[in-house]
Amino acid sequence: MVDYTIIIPAFNEEELLPRTLASLATAMAAVDFAGEIVVVDNNSTDATATVAAAHGARVVFEPVNQIARARNCGGAAAEGRFLVFVDADTVVSGELLGAALRAMAAGDTCGGGATIGSSDEAGPDAVRSMAAWNWISRHAGLAAGCFVFCLREGWQAVGGFPTGFYASEELWFSRALKRWGRKRGLRFRILPEQVDTSMRKLVWFTPWQVRRRLLGFLLFPWRLRRREACEFWYARPGPPGTGKGQDSDHA
């Protein structure tokens, strides 16, 4: 029997997944709850599944490359009453994991997220962007996708992460879970403990490309329903000058 399940959606993540799993092993050893890790192999073409199994994770398979579907596949396979969704390029501390589990165990919290930071080298634009997101996250009650926690019954009640979107599914899930929790006197909390997520997209894309894509989604939010419009989340640029790219992760 386990109290909680950590769910990691992973597509071609053999490079950074070991770091994430190692950090989770340390964090799990520091909390007074019994847990498990489920890695969702989202139709990877590399050794993601092998790496995950070698680090002690239970591996399940989701054939459709979509972040929401991968998260929901892991949720369906979970045995814990508390669910913690973590991206494959993210480091979680024992303090953060413990805070999330204690919040749910206290009986007054339906779920939430955490403020974000990064141990990667980050330029001024990235630092400002993280600060802006943390302000929005705290004041609007929206969880960043790299770390989302919730009661299993809440996840089930709202139908999981909405599969009508190829990105931003964590924001819609946050809103739905908040409504569900509010009716039951439960809070949706953004924890002050930070989650450490990678800045690799700022290596793959220029600041202008990032701003252009995000502005496009603000002006035309319906584009989030089209996979080809969400390359920021699904495509890894190839070597400079090749004009090629390959499918990427779900971070």
Protein backbone atom coordinates (compact mmCIF):
# COMPACT_ATOMS: atom_id res chain seq x y z
CA MET A 1 0.00 0.00 0.00
CA VAL A 2 1.24 3.48 -0.88
CA ASP A 3 0.07 6.91 0.20
CA TYR A 4 1.12 8.80 -2.91
CA THR A 5 2.17 8.32 -6.52
CA ILE A 6 4.61 10.52 -8.40
CA ILE A 7 3.77 10.56 -12.10
CA ILE A 8 6.33 11.56 -14.72
CA PRO A 9 5.21 11.94 -18.35
CA ALA A 10 8.28 11.23 -20.48
CA PHE A 11 8.97 11.26 -24.20
CA ASN A 12 12.60 10.70 -25.24
CA GLU A 13 13.91 11.67 -21.81
CA GLU A 14 16.84 9.28 -21.33
CA GLU A 15 19.23 12.22 -20.81
CA LEU A 16 17.61 14.13 -17.94
CA LEU A 17 15.32 11.50 -16.45
CA PRO A 18 18.08 9.94 -14.28
CA ARG A 19 18.67 13.28 -12.53
CA THR A 20 14.96 13.69 -11.87
CA LEU A 21 14.58 10.15 -10.54
CA ALA A 22 17.65 10.48 -8.32
CA SER A 23 16.30 13.69 -6.78
CA LEU A 24 12.93 12.04 -6.19
CA ALA A 25 14.53 9.04 -4.48
CA THR A 26 16.23 11.42 -2.06
CA ALA A 27 13.05 13.43 -1.52
CA MET A 28 10.94 10.32 -0.94
CA ALA A 29 13.38 9.04 1.66
CA ALA A 30 12.93 12.29 3.58
CA VAL A 31 9.12 12.17 3.97
CA ASP A 32 6.95 10.12 6.32
CA PHE A 33 4.69 8.75 3.63
CA ALA A 34 4.92 5.62 1.49
CA GLY A 35 5.19 6.38 -2.20
CA GLU A 36 5.83 5.05 -5.68
CA ILE A 37 7.00 6.50 -9.00
CA VAL A 38 5.19 5.86 -12.27
CA VAL A 39 6.94 6.92 -15.48
CA VAL A 40 4.67 7.20 -18.50
CA ASP A 41 6.60 6.27 -21.63
CA ASN A 42 4.81 8.46 -24.15
CA ASN A 43 5.85 6.44 -27.22
CA SER A 44 9.56 7.21 -26.85
CA THR A 45 12.09 6.22 -29.49
CA ASP A 46 15.05 6.22 -27.09
CA ALA A 47 15.83 4.31 -23.87
CA THR A 48 13.43 6.26 -21.65
CA ALA A 49 11.54 3.17 -20.48
CA THR A 50 14.74 1.22 -19.80
CA VAL A 51 16.27 4.09 -17.83
CA ALA A 52 13.09 4.53 -15.78
CA ALA A 53 12.88 0.84 -14.90
CA ALA A 54 16.57 0.73 -13.99
CA HIS A 55 15.94 3.49 -11.43
CA GLY A 56 13.11 1.57 -9.80
CA ALA A 57 10.14 3.30 -11.41
CA ARG A 58 7.07 1.47 -12.61
CA VAL A 59 6.68 2.10 -16.34
CA VAL A 60 3.38 2.38 -18.20
CA PHE A 61 2.84 3.17 -21.88
CA GLU A 62 0.77 5.85 -23.59
CA PRO A 63 0.94 5.64 -27.40
CA VAL A 64 -0.51 9.07 -28.22
CA ASN A 65 2.02 11.90 -27.94
CA GLN A 66 0.06 14.37 -25.88
CA ILE A 67 0.99 15.74 -22.48
CA ALA A 68 -2.52 15.56 -21.03
CA ARG A 69 -2.97 11.95 -22.17
CA ALA A 70 0.37 10.96 -20.67
CA ARG A 71 -0.51 12.57 -17.34
CA ASN A 72 -3.90 10.86 -17.30
CA CYS A 73 -2.39 7.50 -18.20
CA GLY A 74 -0.15 7.80 -15.15
CA GLY A 75 -3.04 8.90 -12.97
CA ALA A 76 -5.07 5.87 -14.01
CA ALA A 77 -2.18 3.55 -13.12
CA ALA A 78 -1.47 5.22 -9.76
CA GLU A 79 -2.08 3.37 -6.51
CA GLY A 80 -1.72 6.34 -4.14
CA ARG A 81 -4.53 8.52 -2.83
CA PHE A 82 -2.31 11.57 -3.40
CA LEU A 83 -1.02 12.30 -6.91
CA VAL A 84 2.08 14.37 -7.70
CA PHE A 85 2.79 15.17 -11.36
CA VAL A 86 6.43 16.04 -12.08
CA ASP A 87 8.12 16.85 -15.39
CA ALA A 88 11.07 14.76 -16.50
CA ASP A 89 13.51 17.71 -16.39
CA THR A 90 12.56 18.79 -12.87
CA VAL A 91 14.24 18.38 -9.47
CA VAL A 92 12.00 18.08 -6.41
CA SER A 93 13.32 18.57 -2.89
CA GLY A 94 12.22 16.66 0.18
CA GLU A 95 10.94 19.94 1.63
CA LEU A 96 8.63 20.54 -1.33
CA LEU A 97 7.40 16.96 -1.57
CA GLY A 98 6.76 16.85 2.16
CA ALA A 99 4.89 20.17 2.11
CA ALA A 100 2.60 18.97 -0.68
CA LEU A 101 1.85 15.64 1.01
CA ARG A 102 1.26 17.20 4.41
CA ALA A 103 -1.10 19.77 2.88
CA MET A 104 -3.25 17.03 1.34
CA ALA A 105 -3.07 14.80 4.42
CA ALA A 106 -4.29 17.68 6.62
CA GLY A 107 -7.69 17.41 4.95
CA ASP A 108 -8.10 21.07 3.94
CA THR A 109 -6.33 21.05 0.55
CA CYS A 110 -7.47 19.58 -2.77
CA GLY A 111 -4.21 20.23 -4.59
CA GLY A 112 -1.91 22.90 -5.91
CA GLY A 113 1.54 23.64 -7.20
CA ALA A 114 4.74 25.45 -6.29
CA THR A 115 6.69 28.51 -7.26
CA ILE A 116 9.37 27.81 -9.85
CA GLY A 117 13.10 28.41 -9.96
CA SER A 118 16.07 26.92 -11.75
CA SER A 119 19.60 25.91 -10.88
CA ASP A 120 20.48 26.30 -14.56
CA GLU A 121 22.24 29.43 -15.71
CA ALA A 122 19.50 31.91 -16.55
CA GLY A 123 19.70 35.33 -18.16
CA PRO A 124 17.77 38.44 -17.10
CA ASP A 125 14.83 37.62 -19.39
CA ALA A 126 14.44 34.18 -17.83
CA VAL A 127 14.68 35.53 -14.29
CA ARG A 128 12.03 38.16 -15.03
CA SER A 129 9.80 35.58 -16.69
CA MET A 130 10.00 33.24 -13.70
CA ALA A 131 9.25 36.10 -11.30
CA ALA A 132 6.25 37.16 -13.41
CA TRP A 133 4.92 33.61 -13.58
CA ASN A 134 5.33 33.12 -9.82
CA TRP A 135 3.30 36.29 -9.20
CA ILE A 136 0.55 35.13 -11.56
CA SER A 137 0.64 31.61 -10.11
CA ARG A 138 0.23 32.81 -6.52
CA HIS A 139 -2.45 35.42 -7.24
CA ALA A 140 -4.48 33.46 -9.80
CA GLY A 141 -4.04 30.06 -8.15
CA LEU A 142 -2.57 28.29 -11.17
CA ALA A 143 -0.04 25.46 -10.97
CA ALA A 144 2.97 25.24 -13.28
CA GLY A 145 3.00 21.96 -15.17
CA CYS A 146 6.41 20.91 -13.84
CA PHE A 147 4.87 20.27 -10.38
CA VAL A 148 1.17 19.68 -9.77
CA PHE A 149 -0.26 17.82 -6.78
CA CYS A 150 -3.84 16.77 -6.09
CA LEU A 151 -6.13 14.37 -4.33
CA ARG A 152 -6.79 11.33 -6.49
CA GLU A 153 -10.54 11.74 -5.98
CA GLY A 154 -10.30 15.33 -7.21
CA TRP A 155 -8.38 14.28 -10.33
CA GLN A 156 -11.02 11.66 -11.04
CA ALA A 157 -13.94 13.98 -10.35
CA VAL A 158 -12.84 16.65 -12.84
CA GLY A 159 -11.98 14.11 -15.53
CA GLY A 160 -8.22 14.46 -15.26
CA PHE A 161 -6.24 16.83 -17.47
CA PRO A 162 -8.28 18.03 -20.46
CA THR A 163 -7.23 16.27 -23.65
CA GLY A 164 -8.69 19.00 -25.85
CA PHE A 165 -5.47 20.98 -25.38
CA TYR A 166 -1.91 20.15 -26.43
CA ALA A 167 -0.48 22.69 -23.96
CA SER A 168 -1.75 24.67 -20.95
CA GLU A 169 -3.66 21.60 -19.73
CA GLU A 170 -2.33 22.19 -16.22
CA LEU A 171 -3.96 25.64 -16.13
CA TRP A 172 -7.39 24.30 -17.09
CA PHE A 173 -6.92 21.46 -14.63
CA SER A 174 -6.04 23.95 -11.89
CA ARG A 175 -9.25 25.88 -12.51
CA ALA A 176 -11.41 22.76 -12.56
CA LEU A 177 -9.83 21.35 -9.41
CA LYS A 178 -10.23 24.67 -7.59
CA ARG A 179 -13.95 24.69 -8.38
CA TRP A 180 -14.29 21.10 -7.21
CA GLY A 181 -12.39 21.84 -4.01
CA ARG A 182 -14.24 25.06 -3.25
CA LYS A 183 -17.55 23.20 -3.12
CA ARG A 184 -16.04 20.95 -0.47
CA GLY A 185 -14.30 23.62 1.57
CA LEU A 186 -10.85 22.62 0.26
CA ARG A 187 -8.09 24.99 -0.80
CA PHE A 188 -5.95 24.99 -3.92
CA ARG A 189 -2.49 26.05 -2.73
CA ILE A 190 0.62 27.37 -4.43
CA LEU A 191 3.39 26.41 -2.02
CA PRO A 192 6.24 28.84 -1.28
CA GLU A 193 8.82 26.05 -1.60
CA GLN A 194 10.36 26.20 -5.06
CA VAL A 195 10.58 23.46 -7.65
CA ASP A 196 13.79 23.39 -9.69
CA THR A 197 13.07 23.04 -13.40
CA SER A 198 15.44 23.22 -16.35
CA MET A 199 15.91 26.19 -18.67
CA ARG A 200 16.60 24.06 -21.73
CA LYS A 201 13.89 25.66 -23.83
CA LEU A 202 15.78 28.94 -23.57
CA VAL A 203 18.68 27.12 -25.22
CA TRP A 204 16.50 25.65 -27.93
CA PHE A 205 14.58 28.89 -28.61
CA THR A 206 15.66 32.55 -28.63
CA PRO A 207 13.92 35.05 -26.29
CA TRP A 208 12.18 36.52 -29.34
CA GLN A 209 10.87 33.11 -30.40
CA VAL A 210 9.58 32.46 -26.89
CA ARG A 211 7.81 35.83 -26.69
CA ARG A 212 6.34 35.45 -30.18
CA ARG A 213 4.89 32.02 -29.40
CA LEU A 214 3.42 33.04 -26.06
CA LEU A 215 1.93 36.21 -27.55
CA GLY A 216 0.39 34.13 -30.31
CA PHE A 217 -1.36 31.93 -27.76
CA LEU A 218 -2.65 34.97 -25.88
CA LEU A 219 -4.10 36.43 -29.08
CA PHE A 220 -5.29 33.12 -30.55
CA PRO A 221 -5.87 30.71 -27.63
CA TRP A 222 -7.70 28.25 -29.89
CA ARG A 223 -4.27 27.33 -31.30
CA LEU A 224 -3.57 25.42 -28.08
CA ARG A 225 -5.95 22.78 -29.41
CA ARG A 226 -3.64 22.04 -32.37
CA ARG A 227 -0.53 19.95 -31.85
CA GLU A 228 1.32 21.51 -34.77
CA ALA A 229 0.88 24.95 -33.20
CA CYS A 230 2.43 23.79 -29.90
CA GLU A 231 5.94 22.99 -31.13
CA PHE A 232 7.35 24.89 -28.14
CA TRP A 233 6.29 21.90 -26.02
CA TYR A 234 6.69 19.12 -28.56
CA ALA A 235 9.69 19.82 -30.78
CA ARG A 236 13.40 19.90 -30.05
CA PRO A 237 15.34 21.96 -32.57
CA GLY A 238 18.08 20.10 -34.44
CA PRO A 239 21.70 21.25 -34.75
CA PRO A 240 22.10 24.85 -35.94
CA GLY A 241 21.89 25.22 -39.68
CA THR A 242 20.28 21.83 -40.33
CA GLY A 243 16.71 23.07 -40.43
CA LYS A 244 15.74 19.83 -38.71
CA GLY A 245 14.12 19.08 -35.42
CA GLN A 246 12.84 16.13 -33.45
CA ASP A 247 10.03 15.54 -31.04
CA SER A 248 10.85 16.74 -27.58
CA ASP A 249 9.73 16.35 -24.00
CA HIS A 250 6.66 17.50 -22.14
CA ALA A 251 8.27 20.03 -19.85
